[in-house]
Amino acid sequence: MSDLRTCLVDGCDAQHPRRMLMCRSHWNGLPKPLRDDLWRAYREDGVFSDTYMAAREACMAHAEGRDPRVLS
């Protein structure tokens, strides 16, 4: 299995390591509070927690220009 995958942001074909949520360009485009919330949830609650999933959705919604309060 390759260590690379395609960015999870719709329309982005950039490759990045599987351990990362999205490509560096999209990650760096997130506001720092969103990145911090995601890291905190990851460290404190783990990737299967509701807290992490909510933070992840907020990051993905911002990167895709969606309203994070509207579920897709």
N, C-alpha and C. Protein backbone atom coordinates (compact mmCIF):
# COMPACT_ATOMS: atom_id res chain seq x y z
N MET A 1 0.85 -1.18 0.00
CA MET A 1 0.00 0.00 0.00
C MET A 1 0.89 1.24 0.00
N SER A 2 0.54 2.18 -0.82
CA SER A 2 1.29 3.42 -0.90
C SER A 2 1.08 4.27 0.34
N ASP A 3 2.10 5.02 0.68
CA ASP A 3 2.00 5.95 1.82
C ASP A 3 1.30 7.24 1.40
N LEU A 4 0.99 7.38 0.11
CA LEU A 4 0.36 8.60 -0.39
C LEU A 4 -1.11 8.36 -0.73
N ARG A 5 -1.87 9.42 -0.63
CA ARG A 5 -3.27 9.39 -1.07
C ARG A 5 -3.61 10.76 -1.63
N THR A 6 -4.74 10.83 -2.32
CA THR A 6 -5.21 12.08 -2.88
C THR A 6 -5.88 12.89 -1.80
N CYS A 7 -5.69 14.19 -1.84
CA CYS A 7 -6.30 15.11 -0.87
C CYS A 7 -7.81 14.85 -0.78
N LEU A 8 -8.33 14.91 0.43
CA LEU A 8 -9.75 14.64 0.65
C LEU A 8 -10.66 15.82 0.29
N VAL A 9 -10.09 16.98 0.01
CA VAL A 9 -10.89 18.14 -0.37
C VAL A 9 -11.39 17.95 -1.80
N ASP A 10 -12.70 18.12 -1.99
CA ASP A 10 -13.29 17.95 -3.32
C ASP A 10 -12.56 18.79 -4.36
N GLY A 11 -12.21 18.15 -5.46
CA GLY A 11 -11.59 18.84 -6.58
C GLY A 11 -10.08 18.97 -6.49
N CYS A 12 -9.46 18.51 -5.42
CA CYS A 12 -8.01 18.61 -5.27
C CYS A 12 -7.39 17.26 -5.59
N ASP A 13 -6.42 17.26 -6.49
CA ASP A 13 -5.75 16.03 -6.90
C ASP A 13 -4.36 15.89 -6.29
N ALA A 14 -4.00 16.79 -5.37
CA ALA A 14 -2.67 16.75 -4.76
C ALA A 14 -2.51 15.48 -3.93
N GLN A 15 -1.30 14.96 -3.93
CA GLN A 15 -0.97 13.76 -3.15
C GLN A 15 -0.34 14.20 -1.83
N HIS A 16 -0.62 13.46 -0.78
CA HIS A 16 -0.04 13.74 0.53
C HIS A 16 0.05 12.44 1.32
N PRO A 17 0.88 12.43 2.39
CA PRO A 17 0.98 11.22 3.21
C PRO A 17 -0.37 10.87 3.83
N ARG A 18 -0.65 9.59 3.96
CA ARG A 18 -1.92 9.12 4.53
C ARG A 18 -2.16 9.64 5.94
N ARG A 19 -1.11 9.91 6.68
CA ARG A 19 -1.27 10.36 8.06
C ARG A 19 -1.85 11.78 8.14
N MET A 20 -1.86 12.50 7.01
CA MET A 20 -2.38 13.86 6.99
C MET A 20 -3.83 13.88 6.51
N LEU A 21 -4.62 14.80 7.05
CA LEU A 21 -6.02 14.91 6.67
C LEU A 21 -6.19 15.40 5.24
N MET A 22 -5.37 16.36 4.87
CA MET A 22 -5.47 16.99 3.54
C MET A 22 -4.09 17.45 3.11
N CYS A 23 -3.99 17.92 1.88
CA CYS A 23 -2.69 18.37 1.38
C CYS A 23 -2.22 19.60 2.16
N ARG A 24 -0.94 19.85 2.08
CA ARG A 24 -0.33 20.96 2.82
C ARG A 24 -0.97 22.30 2.44
N SER A 25 -1.28 22.49 1.18
CA SER A 25 -1.87 23.74 0.73
C SER A 25 -3.21 24.00 1.41
N HIS A 26 -4.07 23.00 1.44
CA HIS A 26 -5.37 23.17 2.08
C HIS A 26 -5.22 23.28 3.60
N TRP A 27 -4.33 22.47 4.18
CA TRP A 27 -4.11 22.53 5.63
C TRP A 27 -3.66 23.93 6.06
N ASN A 28 -2.69 24.47 5.33
CA ASN A 28 -2.19 25.81 5.66
C ASN A 28 -3.22 26.90 5.38
N GLY A 29 -4.22 26.60 4.57
CA GLY A 29 -5.28 27.56 4.28
C GLY A 29 -6.36 27.60 5.36
N LEU A 30 -6.32 26.66 6.30
CA LEU A 30 -7.30 26.65 7.38
C LEU A 30 -6.93 27.68 8.43
N PRO A 31 -7.91 28.31 9.04
CA PRO A 31 -7.60 29.20 10.17
C PRO A 31 -6.96 28.39 11.29
N LYS A 32 -6.00 28.99 11.97
CA LYS A 32 -5.29 28.30 13.04
C LYS A 32 -6.23 27.74 14.11
N PRO A 33 -7.30 28.44 14.51
CA PRO A 33 -8.19 27.85 15.52
C PRO A 33 -8.82 26.52 15.06
N LEU A 34 -9.12 26.38 13.77
CA LEU A 34 -9.66 25.11 13.28
C LEU A 34 -8.61 24.01 13.35
N ARG A 35 -7.38 24.34 12.94
CA ARG A 35 -6.30 23.35 13.01
C ARG A 35 -6.05 22.94 14.46
N ASP A 36 -6.04 23.92 15.35
CA ASP A 36 -5.81 23.64 16.77
C ASP A 36 -6.91 22.77 17.35
N ASP A 37 -8.16 23.05 16.99
CA ASP A 37 -9.28 22.24 17.48
C ASP A 37 -9.15 20.79 17.03
N LEU A 38 -8.76 20.60 15.78
CA LEU A 38 -8.60 19.24 15.26
C LEU A 38 -7.48 18.50 15.99
N TRP A 39 -6.33 19.14 16.15
CA TRP A 39 -5.22 18.51 16.85
C TRP A 39 -5.58 18.17 18.30
N ARG A 40 -6.28 19.10 18.97
CA ARG A 40 -6.67 18.87 20.36
C ARG A 40 -7.60 17.65 20.45
N ALA A 41 -8.58 17.59 19.57
CA ALA A 41 -9.52 16.46 19.57
C ALA A 41 -8.77 15.15 19.27
N TYR A 42 -7.85 15.20 18.34
CA TYR A 42 -7.06 14.02 17.99
C TYR A 42 -6.27 13.52 19.19
N ARG A 43 -5.57 14.43 19.86
CA ARG A 43 -4.73 14.05 21.01
C ARG A 43 -5.54 13.60 22.21
N GLU A 44 -6.61 14.33 22.52
CA GLU A 44 -7.34 14.08 23.75
C GLU A 44 -8.42 13.01 23.62
N ASP A 45 -9.07 12.92 22.45
CA ASP A 45 -10.24 12.05 22.31
C ASP A 45 -10.07 10.94 21.29
N GLY A 46 -9.16 11.08 20.33
CA GLY A 46 -8.96 10.06 19.31
C GLY A 46 -9.82 10.28 18.08
N VAL A 47 -9.46 9.58 17.01
CA VAL A 47 -10.09 9.81 15.72
C VAL A 47 -11.51 9.27 15.60
N PHE A 48 -11.94 8.46 16.54
CA PHE A 48 -13.30 7.92 16.46
C PHE A 48 -14.28 8.66 17.36
N SER A 49 -13.81 9.73 17.99
CA SER A 49 -14.67 10.48 18.91
C SER A 49 -15.57 11.46 18.16
N ASP A 50 -16.67 11.79 18.76
CA ASP A 50 -17.57 12.80 18.20
C ASP A 50 -16.88 14.15 18.11
N THR A 51 -16.04 14.46 19.09
CA THR A 51 -15.32 15.73 19.09
C THR A 51 -14.39 15.83 17.88
N TYR A 52 -13.65 14.75 17.62
CA TYR A 52 -12.75 14.75 16.47
C TYR A 52 -13.54 14.85 15.17
N MET A 53 -14.60 14.08 15.05
CA MET A 53 -15.38 14.09 13.81
C MET A 53 -15.99 15.47 13.54
N ALA A 54 -16.43 16.16 14.58
CA ALA A 54 -16.98 17.51 14.41
C ALA A 54 -15.88 18.49 13.98
N ALA A 55 -14.71 18.37 14.59
CA ALA A 55 -13.59 19.24 14.22
C ALA A 55 -13.13 18.96 12.79
N ARG A 56 -13.11 17.68 12.44
CA ARG A 56 -12.72 17.29 11.08
C ARG A 56 -13.71 17.84 10.06
N GLU A 57 -14.98 17.73 10.34
CA GLU A 57 -16.00 18.25 9.43
C GLU A 57 -15.88 19.76 9.28
N ALA A 58 -15.60 20.45 10.37
CA ALA A 58 -15.43 21.91 10.30
C ALA A 58 -14.24 22.26 9.40
N CYS A 59 -13.15 21.51 9.51
CA CYS A 59 -11.98 21.74 8.66
C CYS A 59 -12.29 21.46 7.19
N MET A 60 -12.94 20.33 6.93
CA MET A 60 -13.27 19.97 5.56
C MET A 60 -14.23 20.98 4.95
N ALA A 61 -15.23 21.40 5.71
CA ALA A 61 -16.21 22.37 5.21
C ALA A 61 -15.52 23.68 4.86
N HIS A 62 -14.63 24.14 5.72
CA HIS A 62 -13.93 25.39 5.44
C HIS A 62 -13.08 25.26 4.18
N ALA A 63 -12.34 24.16 4.07
CA ALA A 63 -11.47 23.95 2.90
C ALA A 63 -12.28 23.87 1.61
N GLU A 64 -13.51 23.37 1.69
CA GLU A 64 -14.36 23.23 0.49
C GLU A 64 -15.31 24.40 0.30
N GLY A 65 -15.26 25.38 1.21
CA GLY A 65 -16.11 26.55 1.08
C GLY A 65 -17.57 26.27 1.43
N ARG A 66 -17.80 25.24 2.26
CA ARG A 66 -19.17 24.90 2.68
C ARG A 66 -19.44 25.45 4.06
N ASP A 67 -20.72 25.52 4.41
CA ASP A 67 -21.14 25.88 5.77
C ASP A 67 -21.02 24.62 6.61
N PRO A 68 -20.17 24.63 7.66
CA PRO A 68 -19.97 23.41 8.45
C PRO A 68 -21.20 22.97 9.23
N ARG A 69 -22.20 23.84 9.34
CA ARG A 69 -23.41 23.48 10.07
C ARG A 69 -24.38 22.70 9.21
N VAL A 70 -24.12 22.64 7.88
CA VAL A 70 -25.00 21.93 6.97
C VAL A 70 -24.35 20.60 6.62
N LEU A 71 -24.97 19.52 7.02
CA LEU A 71 -24.41 18.19 6.73
C LEU A 71 -24.62 17.86 5.26
N SER A 72 -23.59 17.28 4.67
CA SER A 72 -23.70 16.92 3.26
C SER A 72 -24.29 15.56 3.05
